[in-house]
Amino acid sequence: MRPFDAWHRVSTVAEQVNMAGPTPDVARASPLFLTEPEIRRGIELLYFGYSHLTRAIDAGLADQGLGRAHHRALYFIARKPDLAVGELLQLLAITKQALNRVLTELTARGLVETRTGDRDRRQRLLKLTDHGASLERQLYGALSARLAAAYSNAGQTAVGGFWAVLEGLIPVSERPRIAGLGR
């Protein structure tokens, strides 16, 4: 089965994302942005925004018999080829048992391959196969299109502010590991 034959059913990004721009109450926060209603609004927007973003790939994942946990593993392995299993555990903040289940399925489907570490033979390094890389690129494409449309509607200043808020949610001790993904 080819990865994501179901993608042809996905409508255009313009249909999936409200292209009219942000609603007025979203575009400008209250000067009292630390009050309970404002914080609750932020929590709700984070929840529903992420929920709608990931729905862009749910049907395709389901067609493959995969879920969001599989996608998260594929994403981070794609970001950092030869990622150690231990590092993936830290990034995903899940149990070894949960990760083992996901990696076993991805490996059995020919999406991920493992090899032993060069310096430490006990280390298992993860890399996407060509099939896995193709699938991850398709998933990224669907997410990227939605996020790019939202970024475009919000504008550069809003995007920078959004990143600053999200980074502020991450403990300072974890930020270098996350920053290292792009290298």
Protein backbone atom coordinates (compact mmCIF):
# COMPACT_ATOMS: atom_id res chain seq x y z
CA MET A 1 0.00 0.00 0.00
CA ARG A 2 1.34 3.41 -0.92
CA PRO A 3 1.60 5.91 1.91
CA PHE A 4 -1.48 8.02 2.29
CA ASP A 5 -3.55 7.16 -0.74
CA ALA A 6 -6.27 8.92 1.21
CA TRP A 7 -4.61 12.33 0.81
CA HIS A 8 -6.45 12.90 -2.45
CA ARG A 9 -9.58 13.26 -0.33
CA VAL A 10 -8.13 16.13 1.66
CA SER A 11 -9.59 19.44 0.59
CA THR A 12 -7.47 22.45 -0.19
CA VAL A 13 -5.82 24.40 2.58
CA ALA A 14 -8.06 27.37 1.85
CA GLU A 15 -11.10 25.23 2.60
CA GLN A 16 -9.53 23.77 5.76
CA VAL A 17 -8.33 27.04 7.27
CA ASN A 18 -10.41 30.16 7.65
CA MET A 19 -8.67 32.39 5.13
CA ALA A 20 -10.60 35.48 6.22
CA GLY A 21 -8.00 36.18 8.87
CA PRO A 22 -8.08 36.16 12.64
CA THR A 23 -11.23 37.19 14.42
CA PRO A 24 -10.98 40.56 16.17
CA ASP A 25 -10.91 39.12 19.70
CA VAL A 26 -8.09 36.75 18.75
CA ALA A 27 -5.96 39.39 17.06
CA ARG A 28 -5.68 41.65 20.09
CA ALA A 29 -5.37 40.47 23.68
CA SER A 30 -6.85 42.46 26.50
CA PRO A 31 -4.50 44.75 28.45
CA LEU A 32 -5.53 42.56 31.39
CA PHE A 33 -4.03 39.46 29.73
CA LEU A 34 -3.19 37.78 33.07
CA THR A 35 -6.76 37.57 34.33
CA GLU A 36 -8.50 34.22 34.61
CA PRO A 37 -10.73 34.72 31.54
CA GLU A 38 -7.72 35.65 29.39
CA ILE A 39 -5.67 32.69 30.61
CA ARG A 40 -8.62 30.33 30.10
CA ARG A 41 -8.99 31.70 26.56
CA GLY A 42 -5.32 30.93 25.91
CA ILE A 43 -5.71 27.38 27.21
CA GLU A 44 -8.76 26.86 25.03
CA LEU A 45 -7.07 28.29 21.95
CA LEU A 46 -4.02 26.06 22.51
CA TYR A 47 -6.23 23.00 22.90
CA PHE A 48 -8.53 23.64 19.95
CA GLY A 49 -5.78 24.97 17.69
CA TYR A 50 -3.64 21.88 18.23
CA SER A 51 -6.66 19.62 17.90
CA HIS A 52 -7.62 21.10 14.53
CA LEU A 53 -4.03 21.13 13.33
CA THR A 54 -3.54 17.42 14.01
CA ARG A 55 -6.90 16.52 12.48
CA ALA A 56 -5.27 17.39 9.17
CA ILE A 57 -3.39 14.09 9.35
CA ASP A 58 -5.71 11.86 11.38
CA ALA A 59 -7.54 10.29 8.42
CA GLY A 60 -4.32 9.48 6.61
CA LEU A 61 -2.80 8.01 9.76
CA ALA A 62 -5.92 5.92 10.37
CA ASP A 63 -5.80 4.61 6.79
CA GLN A 64 -2.29 3.34 7.57
CA GLY A 65 -3.37 1.86 10.91
CA LEU A 66 -1.26 4.45 12.72
CA GLY A 67 -2.01 7.10 15.31
CA ARG A 68 -0.62 10.35 16.62
CA ALA A 69 2.00 8.59 18.76
CA HIS A 70 3.40 7.03 15.58
CA HIS A 71 3.42 10.44 13.92
CA ARG A 72 5.30 12.06 16.79
CA ALA A 73 7.99 9.38 16.60
CA LEU A 74 8.27 9.71 12.81
CA TYR A 75 8.48 13.49 13.10
CA PHE A 76 11.34 13.58 15.60
CA ILE A 77 13.26 10.77 13.90
CA ALA A 78 12.98 12.76 10.65
CA ARG A 79 14.22 15.90 12.41
CA LYS A 80 17.27 14.14 13.76
CA PRO A 81 18.39 11.02 11.87
CA ASP A 82 20.32 8.55 14.03
CA LEU A 83 18.34 9.73 17.03
CA ALA A 84 19.04 7.53 20.05
CA VAL A 85 16.04 5.74 21.54
CA GLY A 86 16.86 7.30 24.92
CA GLU A 87 16.77 10.79 23.43
CA LEU A 88 13.45 10.08 21.74
CA LEU A 89 12.11 8.92 25.09
CA GLN A 90 13.11 12.26 26.61
CA LEU A 91 11.62 14.29 23.75
CA LEU A 92 8.29 12.48 23.84
CA ALA A 93 8.18 12.15 27.64
CA ILE A 94 6.56 8.72 27.43
CA THR A 95 7.35 5.35 29.01
CA LYS A 96 9.79 2.87 27.49
CA GLN A 97 6.90 0.44 27.11
CA ALA A 98 4.80 2.94 25.14
CA LEU A 99 7.73 3.88 22.90
CA ASN A 100 8.67 0.25 22.35
CA ARG A 101 5.15 -0.51 21.12
CA VAL A 102 5.27 2.41 18.67
CA LEU A 103 8.80 1.61 17.42
CA THR A 104 7.98 -2.08 17.02
CA GLU A 105 5.02 -1.20 14.79
CA LEU A 106 6.96 1.38 12.77
CA THR A 107 9.84 -1.05 12.27
CA ALA A 108 7.50 -3.92 11.28
CA ARG A 109 5.88 -1.65 8.67
CA GLY A 110 9.27 -0.76 7.20
CA LEU A 111 9.08 2.89 8.22
CA VAL A 112 11.92 2.99 10.77
CA GLU A 113 15.21 1.12 10.99
CA THR A 114 17.57 0.79 13.91
CA ARG A 115 21.28 0.32 14.16
CA THR A 116 23.71 0.08 17.02
CA GLY A 117 25.67 3.14 18.09
CA ASP A 118 29.21 3.69 16.81
CA ARG A 119 30.69 4.44 20.24
CA ASP A 120 28.27 2.58 22.46
CA ARG A 121 27.12 -0.77 21.05
CA ARG A 122 24.23 -0.82 23.56
CA GLN A 123 22.78 2.33 22.02
CA ARG A 124 19.99 1.96 19.44
CA LEU A 125 19.93 4.68 16.80
CA LEU A 126 16.78 5.35 14.78
CA LYS A 127 16.46 6.43 11.18
CA LEU A 128 13.54 6.60 8.76
CA THR A 129 13.55 4.26 5.79
CA ASP A 130 12.78 5.74 2.37
CA HIS A 131 9.16 4.65 2.86
CA GLY A 132 9.11 6.25 6.33
CA ALA A 133 10.66 9.47 5.04
CA SER A 134 8.05 9.67 2.27
CA LEU A 135 5.23 9.20 4.75
CA GLU A 136 6.67 11.77 7.16
CA ARG A 137 7.04 14.32 4.32
CA GLN A 138 3.37 13.84 3.43
CA LEU A 139 2.34 14.30 7.05
CA TYR A 140 4.56 17.35 7.36
CA GLY A 141 3.07 18.76 4.16
CA ALA A 142 -0.46 18.61 5.53
CA LEU A 143 0.54 20.18 8.85
CA SER A 144 2.78 22.74 7.20
CA ALA A 145 0.04 23.95 4.87
CA ARG A 146 -2.33 24.57 7.76
CA LEU A 147 0.25 26.25 9.95
CA ALA A 148 1.59 28.39 7.10
CA ALA A 149 -1.94 29.62 6.33
CA ALA A 150 -2.49 30.50 9.99
CA TYR A 151 0.94 32.22 10.17
CA SER A 152 0.17 34.19 7.04
CA ASN A 153 -3.17 35.35 8.45
CA ALA A 154 -1.62 36.36 11.78
CA GLY A 155 1.46 38.16 10.44
CA GLN A 156 5.13 38.11 11.40
CA THR A 157 4.81 39.94 14.71
CA ALA A 158 2.05 37.61 15.92
CA VAL A 159 4.07 34.55 14.90
CA GLY A 160 7.06 35.77 16.92
CA GLY A 161 4.81 36.38 19.90
CA PHE A 162 3.22 32.95 19.52
CA TRP A 163 6.66 31.30 19.49
CA ALA A 164 7.69 33.29 22.57
CA VAL A 165 4.58 32.14 24.47
CA LEU A 166 5.10 28.51 23.48
CA GLU A 167 8.78 28.66 24.40
CA GLY A 168 7.79 30.16 27.74
CA LEU A 169 5.78 27.00 28.45
CA ILE A 170 8.91 24.85 28.07
CA PRO A 171 11.18 24.54 31.12
CA VAL A 172 14.47 26.39 30.59
CA SER A 173 16.40 23.14 31.17
CA GLU A 174 14.69 21.50 28.16
CA ARG A 175 15.07 24.34 25.68
CA PRO A 176 18.62 23.45 24.47
CA ARG A 177 17.48 19.91 23.56
CA ILE A 178 14.59 21.32 21.55
CA ALA A 179 16.77 23.96 19.90
CA GLY A 180 19.18 21.18 18.89
CA LEU A 181 16.56 19.49 16.72
CA GLY A 182 17.12 21.93 13.89
CA ARG A 183 20.82 21.16 13.68
